[in-house]
C-alpha atoms as a PDB file:
ATOM      1  CA  MET A   1       0.000   0.000   0.000  1.00  0.00           C
ATOM      2  CA  THR A   2       1.266   3.478  -0.835  1.00  0.00           C
ATOM      3  CA  LYS A   3       2.507   5.241   2.246  1.00  0.00           C
ATOM      4  CA  THR A   4       0.819   8.598   2.819  1.00  0.00           C
ATOM      5  CA  ILE A   5       1.825  11.244   5.316  1.00  0.00           C
ATOM      6  CA  ALA A   6      -1.201  13.487   5.640  1.00  0.00           C
ATOM      7  CA  PHE A   7      -0.432  16.931   6.988  1.00  0.00           C
ATOM      8  CA  GLY A   8      -4.170  17.528   7.282  1.00  0.00           C
ATOM      9  CA  ILE A   9      -4.336  14.792   9.950  1.00  0.00           C
ATOM     10  CA  PHE A  10      -1.730  16.673  11.969  1.00  0.00           C
ATOM     11  CA  LEU A  11      -3.826  19.826  11.711  1.00  0.00           C
ATOM     12  CA  CYS A  12      -6.893  17.989  12.970  1.00  0.00           C
ATOM     13  CA  ALA A  13      -4.982  16.758  15.976  1.00  0.00           C
ATOM     14  CA  ALA A  14      -3.826  20.279  16.740  1.00  0.00           C
ATOM     15  CA  LEU A  15      -7.166  22.025  16.337  1.00  0.00           C
ATOM     16  CA  ALA A  16     -10.342  21.693  18.330  1.00  0.00           C
ATOM     17  CA  SER A  17     -12.476  20.912  15.294  1.00  0.00           C
ATOM     18  CA  CYS A  18     -11.357  18.873  12.285  1.00  0.00           C
ATOM     19  CA  THR A  19     -14.339  20.025  10.263  1.00  0.00           C
ATOM     20  CA  THR A  20     -12.769  23.423   9.644  1.00  0.00           C
ATOM     21  CA  ALA A  21      -9.173  22.328   9.034  1.00  0.00           C
ATOM     22  CA  PRO A  22      -8.198  22.210   5.360  1.00  0.00           C
ATOM     23  CA  ARG A  23      -6.416  19.128   4.125  1.00  0.00           C
ATOM     24  CA  GLN A  24      -3.292  20.900   3.008  1.00  0.00           C
ATOM     25  CA  HIS A  25      -0.441  18.580   2.123  1.00  0.00           C
ATOM     26  CA  ASP A  26      -0.134  14.855   1.434  1.00  0.00           C
ATOM     27  CA  LEU A  27       3.232  13.241   0.704  1.00  0.00           C
ATOM     28  CA  ILE A  28       3.013  10.238  -1.602  1.00  0.00           C
ATOM     29  CA  ALA A  29       5.986   7.854  -1.851  1.00  0.00           C
ATOM     30  CA  ASN A  30       5.400   6.840  -5.467  1.00  0.00           C
ATOM     31  CA  PRO A  31       7.706   8.511  -8.000  1.00  0.00           C
ATOM     32  CA  THR A  32       6.927   6.144 -10.903  1.00  0.00           C
ATOM     33  CA  PRO A  33       6.194   8.100 -14.103  1.00  0.00           C
ATOM     34  CA  LEU A  34       3.154   7.523 -16.249  1.00  0.00           C
ATOM     35  CA  GLY A  35       3.961   5.377 -19.273  1.00  0.00           C
ATOM     36  CA  ARG A  36       3.287   6.824 -22.709  1.00  0.00           C
ATOM     37  CA  ASP A  37       2.699   3.553 -24.529  1.00  0.00           C
ATOM     38  CA  ILE A  38      -0.665   2.801 -22.922  1.00  0.00           C
ATOM     39  CA  PHE A  39      -2.248   5.627 -24.906  1.00  0.00           C
ATOM     40  CA  SER A  40      -0.767   4.746 -28.276  1.00  0.00           C
ATOM     41  CA  ALA A  41      -3.947   2.945 -29.319  1.00  0.00           C
ATOM     42  CA  VAL A  42      -6.145   6.012 -28.708  1.00  0.00           C
ATOM     43  CA  SER A  43      -6.839   7.477 -32.127  1.00  0.00           C
ATOM     44  CA  PRO A  44      -7.340  11.245 -32.487  1.00  0.00           C
ATOM     45  CA  ASN A  45     -10.407  10.349 -34.532  1.00  0.00           C
ATOM     46  CA  ARG A  46     -12.224   9.547 -31.293  1.00  0.00           C
ATOM     47  CA  PHE A  47     -12.311  13.298 -30.659  1.00  0.00           C
ATOM     48  CA  GLU A  48     -14.508  15.581 -32.731  1.00  0.00           C
ATOM     49  CA  SER A  49     -12.747  18.540 -34.331  1.00  0.00           C
ATOM     50  CA  GLY A  50     -14.046  22.094 -34.070  1.00  0.00           C
ATOM     51  CA  SER A  51     -13.052  25.745 -34.122  1.00  0.00           C
ATOM     52  CA  PHE A  52     -14.271  28.827 -32.260  1.00  0.00           C
ATOM     53  CA  THR A  53     -13.760  32.520 -33.035  1.00  0.00           C
ATOM     54  CA  SER A  54     -13.293  34.754 -30.001  1.00  0.00           C
ATOM     55  CA  SER A  55     -14.582  38.322 -29.643  1.00  0.00           C
ATOM     56  CA  ARG A  56     -11.181  39.646 -30.695  1.00  0.00           C
ATOM     57  CA  GLY A  57     -11.239  37.549 -33.850  1.00  0.00           C
ATOM     58  CA  MET A  58      -8.830  34.799 -32.742  1.00  0.00           C
ATOM     59  CA  GLN A  59      -9.392  31.221 -33.856  1.00  0.00           C
ATOM     60  CA  VAL A  60      -9.428  28.611 -31.081  1.00  0.00           C
ATOM     61  CA  PRO A  61      -9.166  25.068 -32.475  1.00  0.00           C
ATOM     62  CA  TYR A  62     -10.548  22.426 -30.144  1.00  0.00           C
ATOM     63  CA  ARG A  63     -11.233  18.733 -29.801  1.00  0.00           C
ATOM     64  CA  LEU A  64     -14.325  17.341 -28.133  1.00  0.00           C
ATOM     65  CA  LEU A  65     -15.247  14.038 -26.542  1.00  0.00           C
ATOM     66  CA  ARG A  66     -18.953  13.703 -25.885  1.00  0.00           C
ATOM     67  CA  PRO A  67     -20.574  11.513 -23.223  1.00  0.00           C
ATOM     68  CA  SER A  68     -20.713   7.962 -24.557  1.00  0.00           C
ATOM     69  CA  LYS A  69     -24.301   7.595 -23.303  1.00  0.00           C
ATOM     70  CA  LEU A  70     -25.753  10.972 -24.192  1.00  0.00           C
ATOM     71  CA  SER A  71     -29.484  11.050 -23.424  1.00  0.00           C
ATOM     72  CA  PRO A  72     -31.937  13.779 -24.490  1.00  0.00           C
ATOM     73  CA  GLY A  73     -33.114  15.927 -21.597  1.00  0.00           C
ATOM     74  CA  ASN A  74     -30.088  15.228 -19.397  1.00  0.00           C
ATOM     75  CA  THR A  75     -27.209  17.560 -18.595  1.00  0.00           C
ATOM     76  CA  TYR A  76     -23.602  16.511 -18.150  1.00  0.00           C
ATOM     77  CA  PRO A  77     -20.420  17.807 -16.507  1.00  0.00           C
ATOM     78  CA  LEU A  78     -17.872  19.664 -18.617  1.00  0.00           C
ATOM     79  CA  VAL A  79     -14.150  19.054 -18.187  1.00  0.00           C
ATOM     80  CA  VAL A  80     -11.831  21.659 -19.722  1.00  0.00           C
ATOM     81  CA  GLN A  81      -8.644  19.707 -20.436  1.00  0.00           C
ATOM     82  CA  LEU A  82      -5.669  22.033 -20.944  1.00  0.00           C
ATOM     83  CA  HIS A  83      -2.483  21.043 -22.750  1.00  0.00           C
ATOM     84  CA  GLY A  84       1.176  21.653 -21.973  1.00  0.00           C
ATOM     85  CA  SER A  85       3.676  23.661 -24.001  1.00  0.00           C
ATOM     86  CA  GLY A  86       4.266  20.703 -26.332  1.00  0.00           C
ATOM     87  CA  GLY A  87       0.718  21.116 -27.636  1.00  0.00           C
ATOM     88  CA  ILE A  88       1.108  24.742 -28.740  1.00  0.00           C
ATOM     89  CA  GLY A  89       0.096  25.209 -32.363  1.00  0.00           C
ATOM     90  CA  THR A  90      -2.862  25.395 -34.739  1.00  0.00           C
ATOM     91  CA  ASP A  91      -3.014  21.847 -36.105  1.00  0.00           C
ATOM     92  CA  ASN A  92      -5.852  20.883 -33.741  1.00  0.00           C
ATOM     93  CA  LEU A  93      -3.983  17.687 -33.003  1.00  0.00           C
ATOM     94  CA  SER A  94      -0.935  18.302 -30.826  1.00  0.00           C
ATOM     95  CA  GLN A  95      -3.063  19.128 -27.777  1.00  0.00           C
ATOM     96  CA  LEU A  96      -4.197  15.487 -27.611  1.00  0.00           C
ATOM     97  CA  GLU A  97      -1.577  14.580 -25.031  1.00  0.00           C
ATOM     98  CA  ARG A  98      -1.651  11.692 -22.576  1.00  0.00           C
ATOM     99  CA  MET A  99      -4.023  13.434 -20.167  1.00  0.00           C
ATOM    100  CA  ALA A 100      -6.458  14.265 -22.959  1.00  0.00           C
ATOM    101  CA  LYS A 101      -6.309  10.766 -24.429  1.00  0.00           C
ATOM    102  CA  SER A 102      -6.914   9.197 -21.027  1.00  0.00           C
ATOM    103  CA  TRP A 103     -10.515  10.429 -21.109  1.00  0.00           C
ATOM    104  CA  ALA A 104     -11.137   8.290 -24.222  1.00  0.00           C
ATOM    105  CA  MET A 105      -9.848   5.062 -22.683  1.00  0.00           C
ATOM    106  CA  PRO A 106     -12.857   2.702 -22.392  1.00  0.00           C
ATOM    107  CA  ASP A 107     -12.727   2.271 -18.616  1.00  0.00           C
ATOM    108  CA  VAL A 108     -12.557   6.018 -18.033  1.00  0.00           C
ATOM    109  CA  ARG A 109     -15.056   7.091 -20.666  1.00  0.00           C
ATOM    110  CA  ASP A 110     -17.678   4.617 -19.487  1.00  0.00           C
ATOM    111  CA  ARG A 111     -17.318   5.719 -15.854  1.00  0.00           C
ATOM    112  CA  TYR A 112     -17.424   9.487 -16.463  1.00  0.00           C
ATOM    113  CA  GLN A 113     -20.285  10.646 -18.636  1.00  0.00           C
ATOM    114  CA  ALA A 114     -19.139  14.145 -19.468  1.00  0.00           C
ATOM    115  CA  PHE A 115     -18.121  16.541 -22.199  1.00  0.00           C
ATOM    116  CA  ILE A 116     -14.333  16.784 -22.474  1.00  0.00           C
ATOM    117  CA  LEU A 117     -13.325  20.035 -24.189  1.00  0.00           C
ATOM    118  CA  ILE A 118      -9.682  20.314 -25.303  1.00  0.00           C
ATOM    119  CA  PRO A 119      -8.768  23.729 -26.745  1.00  0.00           C
ATOM    120  CA  GLN A 120      -5.451  24.328 -28.492  1.00  0.00           C
ATOM    121  CA  PHE A 121      -3.403  27.450 -27.889  1.00  0.00           C
ATOM    122  CA  PRO A 122      -1.330  29.099 -30.667  1.00  0.00           C
ATOM    123  CA  ILE A 123       0.876  30.670 -27.969  1.00  0.00           C
ATOM    124  CA  ARG A 124       1.495  29.924 -24.313  1.00  0.00           C
ATOM    125  CA  SER A 125      -1.693  29.942 -22.241  1.00  0.00           C
ATOM    126  CA  ALA A 126       0.252  30.713 -19.053  1.00  0.00           C
ATOM    127  CA  ASN A 127       3.530  32.566 -18.602  1.00  0.00           C
ATOM    128  CA  TYR A 128       5.973  32.430 -15.719  1.00  0.00           C
ATOM    129  CA  GLY A 129       9.613  33.309 -15.373  1.00  0.00           C
ATOM    130  CA  PRO A 130      12.469  31.098 -14.238  1.00  0.00           C
ATOM    131  CA  PRO A 131      12.228  29.303 -10.888  1.00  0.00           C
ATOM    132  CA  ALA A 132      12.220  31.758  -7.989  1.00  0.00           C
ATOM    133  CA  PRO A 133      10.749  31.930  -4.461  1.00  0.00           C
ATOM    134  CA  ASP A 134       7.969  34.227  -5.696  1.00  0.00           C
ATOM    135  CA  GLN A 135       7.368  32.477  -9.029  1.00  0.00           C
ATOM    136  CA  HIS A 136       3.777  32.710 -10.233  1.00  0.00           C
ATOM    137  CA  ALA A 137       1.786  32.253 -13.431  1.00  0.00           C
ATOM    138  CA  VAL A 138       0.097  34.952 -15.494  1.00  0.00           C
ATOM    139  CA  ALA A 139      -2.577  34.292 -18.118  1.00  0.00           C
ATOM    140  CA  SER A 140      -2.072  35.161 -21.776  1.00  0.00           C
ATOM    141  CA  GLN A 141      -4.789  36.513 -24.059  1.00  0.00           C
ATOM    142  CA  ALA A 142      -5.088  33.033 -25.532  1.00  0.00           C
ATOM    143  CA  LEU A 143      -6.477  31.783 -22.224  1.00  0.00           C
ATOM    144  CA  SER A 144      -9.129  34.504 -22.321  1.00  0.00           C
ATOM    145  CA  ASP A 145     -10.074  33.326 -25.810  1.00  0.00           C
ATOM    146  CA  ALA A 146     -10.427  29.771 -24.500  1.00  0.00           C
ATOM    147  CA  MET A 147     -12.600  30.999 -21.639  1.00  0.00           C
ATOM    148  CA  GLU A 148     -14.947  32.524 -24.198  1.00  0.00           C
ATOM    149  CA  LEU A 149     -15.102  29.108 -25.854  1.00  0.00           C
ATOM    150  CA  VAL A 150     -16.030  27.494 -22.532  1.00  0.00           C
ATOM    151  CA  ARG A 151     -18.860  29.975 -21.995  1.00  0.00           C
ATOM    152  CA  GLU A 152     -20.156  29.561 -25.540  1.00  0.00           C
ATOM    153  CA  PHE A 153     -19.917  25.781 -25.461  1.00  0.00           C
ATOM    154  CA  SER A 154     -21.734  25.459 -22.141  1.00  0.00           C
ATOM    155  CA  SER A 155     -24.519  27.754 -23.364  1.00  0.00           C
ATOM    156  CA  VAL A 156     -25.367  25.685 -26.464  1.00  0.00           C
ATOM    157  CA  HIS A 157     -24.760  22.140 -25.180  1.00  0.00           C
ATOM    158  CA  PRO A 158     -26.507  20.226 -22.376  1.00  0.00           C
ATOM    159  CA  VAL A 159     -23.875  21.100 -19.797  1.00  0.00           C
ATOM    160  CA  ASP A 160     -24.562  20.960 -16.066  1.00  0.00           C
ATOM    161  CA  LYS A 161     -23.346  24.458 -15.233  1.00  0.00           C
ATOM    162  CA  SER A 162     -22.822  23.533 -11.595  1.00  0.00           C
ATOM    163  CA  ARG A 163     -20.233  20.946 -12.652  1.00  0.00           C
ATOM    164  CA  ILE A 164     -17.640  22.625 -14.875  1.00  0.00           C
ATOM    165  CA  TYR A 165     -14.049  21.599 -14.110  1.00  0.00           C
ATOM    166  CA  ALA A 166     -10.538  22.427 -15.324  1.00  0.00           C
ATOM    167  CA  THR A 167      -7.430  20.275 -15.288  1.00  0.00           C
ATOM    168  CA  GLY A 168      -4.138  20.014 -17.140  1.00  0.00           C
ATOM    169  CA  PHE A 169      -0.472  19.110 -16.893  1.00  0.00           C
ATOM    170  CA  SER A 170       2.541  21.483 -16.846  1.00  0.00           C
ATOM    171  CA  MET A 171       1.577  24.674 -18.723  1.00  0.00           C
ATOM    172  CA  GLY A 172      -1.931  23.193 -18.740  1.00  0.00           C
ATOM    173  CA  GLY A 173      -1.790  22.857 -14.959  1.00  0.00           C
ATOM    174  CA  SER A 174      -0.803  26.512 -14.712  1.00  0.00           C
ATOM    175  CA  ALA A 175      -3.707  27.440 -17.007  1.00  0.00           C
ATOM    176  CA  ALA A 176      -6.082  25.398 -14.840  1.00  0.00           C
ATOM    177  CA  TRP A 177      -4.860  27.419 -11.857  1.00  0.00           C
ATOM    178  CA  LEU A 178      -5.511  30.677 -13.733  1.00  0.00           C
ATOM    179  CA  LEU A 179      -8.990  30.062 -15.168  1.00  0.00           C
ATOM    180  CA  PRO A 180     -10.937  30.629 -11.895  1.00  0.00           C
ATOM    181  CA  SER A 181      -9.536  34.170 -11.713  1.00  0.00           C
ATOM    182  CA  GLN A 182     -10.851  34.846 -15.213  1.00  0.00           C
ATOM    183  CA  ALA A 183     -14.275  33.406 -14.423  1.00  0.00           C
ATOM    184  CA  PRO A 184     -14.825  33.071 -10.650  1.00  0.00           C
ATOM    185  CA  GLU A 185     -18.477  32.149 -11.114  1.00  0.00           C
ATOM    186  CA  VAL A 186     -17.950  29.288 -13.581  1.00  0.00           C
ATOM    187  CA  PHE A 187     -15.795  26.517 -12.142  1.00  0.00           C
ATOM    188  CA  ALA A 188     -16.865  23.955  -9.566  1.00  0.00           C
ATOM    189  CA  ALA A 189     -13.331  22.613  -8.996  1.00  0.00           C
ATOM    190  CA  ILE A 190      -9.861  22.443 -10.525  1.00  0.00           C
ATOM    191  CA  ALA A 191      -7.119  19.798 -10.540  1.00  0.00           C
ATOM    192  CA  PRO A 192      -3.853  21.409 -11.711  1.00  0.00           C
ATOM    193  CA  ILE A 193      -0.999  18.943 -12.270  1.00  0.00           C
ATOM    194  CA  SER A 194       2.649  20.088 -12.149  1.00  0.00           C
ATOM    195  CA  GLY A 195       1.684  23.687 -12.830  1.00  0.00           C
ATOM    196  CA  ILE A 196       2.694  27.056 -11.453  1.00  0.00           C
ATOM    197  CA  ALA A 197       0.140  28.701  -9.167  1.00  0.00           C
ATOM    198  CA  PRO A 198      -1.124  32.294  -9.469  1.00  0.00           C
ATOM    199  CA  PRO A 199       0.185  35.204  -7.373  1.00  0.00           C
ATOM    200  CA  ASP A 200      -1.139  35.531  -3.836  1.00  0.00           C
ATOM    201  CA  SER A 201      -3.117  38.592  -4.938  1.00  0.00           C
ATOM    202  CA  GLN A 202      -5.601  36.218  -6.629  1.00  0.00           C
ATOM    203  CA  VAL A 203      -6.452  34.326  -3.436  1.00  0.00           C
ATOM    204  CA  ALA A 204      -9.998  35.714  -3.127  1.00  0.00           C
ATOM    205  CA  ASN A 205     -11.044  33.679  -6.175  1.00  0.00           C
ATOM    206  CA  PHE A 206     -10.019  30.421  -4.482  1.00  0.00           C
ATOM    207  CA  THR A 207     -11.199  30.542  -0.871  1.00  0.00           C
ATOM    208  CA  ASN A 208     -14.477  28.793  -1.743  1.00  0.00           C
ATOM    209  CA  LEU A 209     -13.191  26.692  -4.649  1.00  0.00           C
ATOM    210  CA  PRO A 210     -12.295  22.997  -4.277  1.00  0.00           C
ATOM    211  CA  VAL A 211      -8.695  22.551  -5.441  1.00  0.00           C
ATOM    212  CA  LEU A 212      -6.679  19.346  -5.767  1.00  0.00           C
ATOM    213  CA  ALA A 213      -3.137  20.283  -6.807  1.00  0.00           C
ATOM    214  CA  ILE A 214      -0.870  17.397  -7.861  1.00  0.00           C
ATOM    215  CA  HIS A 215       2.899  17.843  -8.156  1.00  0.00           C
ATOM    216  CA  GLY A 216       6.219  16.009  -8.082  1.00  0.00           C
ATOM    217  CA  GLY A 217       8.497  17.059  -5.243  1.00  0.00           C
ATOM    218  CA  SER A 218      11.606  16.824  -7.464  1.00  0.00           C
ATOM    219  CA  ASP A 219      10.169  18.833 -10.362  1.00  0.00           C
ATOM    220  CA  VAL A 220      12.870  21.296 -11.468  1.00  0.00           C
ATOM    221  CA  GLU A 221      11.056  22.485 -14.624  1.00  0.00           C
ATOM    222  CA  ASN A 222       7.981  23.709 -12.734  1.00  0.00           C
ATOM    223  CA  PRO A 223       9.098  23.665  -9.091  1.00  0.00           C
ATOM    224  CA  ILE A 224       6.486  22.757  -6.492  1.00  0.00           C
ATOM    225  CA  VAL A 225       7.327  25.857  -4.433  1.00  0.00           C
ATOM    226  CA  ALA A 226       4.617  27.958  -6.110  1.00  0.00           C
ATOM    227  CA  ASP A 227       1.920  25.380  -5.383  1.00  0.00           C
ATOM    228  CA  ARG A 228       3.020  25.096  -1.756  1.00  0.00           C
ATOM    229  CA  ARG A 229       2.936  28.875  -1.400  1.00  0.00           C
ATOM    230  CA  PHE A 230      -0.498  29.370  -2.900  1.00  0.00           C
ATOM    231  CA  ILE A 231      -2.100  26.449  -1.075  1.00  0.00           C
ATOM    232  CA  ARG A 232      -0.842  27.909   2.210  1.00  0.00           C
ATOM    233  CA  THR A 233      -2.168  31.321   1.205  1.00  0.00           C
ATOM    234  CA  ILE A 234      -5.608  29.956   0.373  1.00  0.00           C
ATOM    235  CA  ALA A 235      -5.768  28.115   3.703  1.00  0.00           C
ATOM    236  CA  SER A 236      -4.613  31.185   5.632  1.00  0.00           C
ATOM    237  CA  HIS A 237      -7.474  33.151   4.060  1.00  0.00           C
ATOM    238  CA  GLY A 238     -10.081  30.644   5.181  1.00  0.00           C
ATOM    239  CA  GLY A 239     -10.078  28.238   2.232  1.00  0.00           C
ATOM    240  CA  GLN A 240     -11.272  24.877   3.524  1.00  0.00           C
ATOM    241  CA  GLN A 241     -11.296  22.809   0.321  1.00  0.00           C
ATOM    242  CA  VAL A 242      -7.674  22.906  -0.840  1.00  0.00           C
ATOM    243  CA  SER A 243      -5.244  20.010  -1.026  1.00  0.00           C
ATOM    244  CA  LEU A 244      -1.723  19.488  -2.336  1.00  0.00           C
ATOM    245  CA  ARG A 245      -0.721  15.947  -3.250  1.00  0.00           C
ATOM    246  CA  GLU A 246       3.074  15.855  -3.464  1.00  0.00           C
ATOM    247  CA  TYR A 247       4.892  12.867  -4.956  1.00  0.00           C
ATOM    248  CA  VAL A 248       8.254  12.407  -3.284  1.00  0.00           C
ATOM    249  CA  GLY A 249      11.056  12.078  -5.842  1.00  0.00           C
ATOM    250  CA  LEU A 250       8.828  12.600  -8.884  1.00  0.00           C
ATOM    251  CA  GLU A 251      10.225  14.928 -11.533  1.00  0.00           C
ATOM    252  CA  HIS A 252       8.259  16.854 -14.178  1.00  0.00           C
ATOM    253  CA  GLN A 253       5.936  14.004 -15.153  1.00  0.00           C
ATOM    254  CA  PRO A 254       2.380  12.911 -14.393  1.00  0.00           C
ATOM    255  CA  PRO A 255       2.432  10.329 -11.575  1.00  0.00           C
ATOM    256  CA  ALA A 256       1.626   6.711 -12.359  1.00  0.00           C
ATOM    257  CA  ASP A 257      -1.731   6.765 -10.564  1.00  0.00           C
ATOM    258  CA  ILE A 258      -3.076   9.587 -12.726  1.00  0.00           C
ATOM    259  CA  TYR A 259      -4.397   6.814 -15.014  1.00  0.00           C
ATOM    260  CA  PRO A 260      -6.897   5.365 -14.736  1.00  0.00           C
ATOM    261  CA  GLY A 261      -7.013   7.845 -11.889  1.00  0.00           C
ATOM    262  CA  PHE A 262     -10.451   7.037 -10.603  1.00  0.00           C
ATOM    263  CA  TRP A 263      -9.449   8.572  -7.247  1.00  0.00           C
ATOM    264  CA  TRP A 264      -8.869  12.093  -8.582  1.00  0.00           C
ATOM    265  CA  ARG A 265     -11.590  11.969 -11.229  1.00  0.00           C
ATOM    266  CA  ASP A 266     -14.118  10.772  -8.643  1.00  0.00           C
ATOM    267  CA  TRP A 267     -13.093  13.676  -6.426  1.00  0.00           C
ATOM    268  CA  LEU A 268     -13.520  16.115  -9.305  1.00  0.00           C
ATOM    269  CA  PHE A 269     -16.954  14.841 -10.292  1.00  0.00           C
ATOM    270  CA  ARG A 270     -18.228  15.024  -6.695  1.00  0.00           C
ATOM    271  CA  GLN A 271     -17.743  18.792  -6.652  1.00  0.00           C
ATOM    272  CA  ARG A 272     -20.597  21.132  -7.441  1.00  0.00           C
ATOM    273  CA  ARG A 273     -20.634  24.894  -7.609  1.00  0.00           C
ATOM    274  CA  ARG A 274     -22.807  26.387  -4.930  1.00  0.00           C
END
């Protein structure tokens, strides 16, 4: 069994009431990277191709995976799956990375009846300088364009607007961190993976938002320091639904248990916007 050191348990022991103590920091002794070969059989053709024009005239290519059991009259969650820097472009293909393809794997797709929206960015969606104690991410205009796509998509499709989520790896994890500041009233929860968190000045947009941040403790490309900082800041401002899952020894890679990843997807799909 994976050994877990839960900092939240320590907080509960120290405080009079565990119900108000945020679960802040779990250390997971499992540095195994996620294999790439398991997704090789997932064809891009499983994802519909589309394009959206933003209010400033920018084209946003996107891929879409619909619920496999779509029923008239029902509404479904929407997952905004954000790609890393390797997916930058306009081919409407490169953004179908491992995380995106995982939603089309039969065991995952059958379990989670949802729309999976995968926009592609022609430039970086999130910018951040070199590693530093105060490192933080800043959104580009391309992320604003994608947010317009999310609003448009959810208005014309049977989306459960209380269950809109964002997730992504690396630059995509940073973008997932940034989206709630662009649209505080939209997202029910986010799960940023190996991203760079926003500046502390954005904390007001996160105190009532469920957040599950996932990061390797030995990541030197996107150091975990920013996630640690912002999670602490959210908690210090009264945020009760924030958690950082740190993988000891893991570098800049998704952890092995991200797929099939029922544990984190189940958590995501339990969240509803109040």
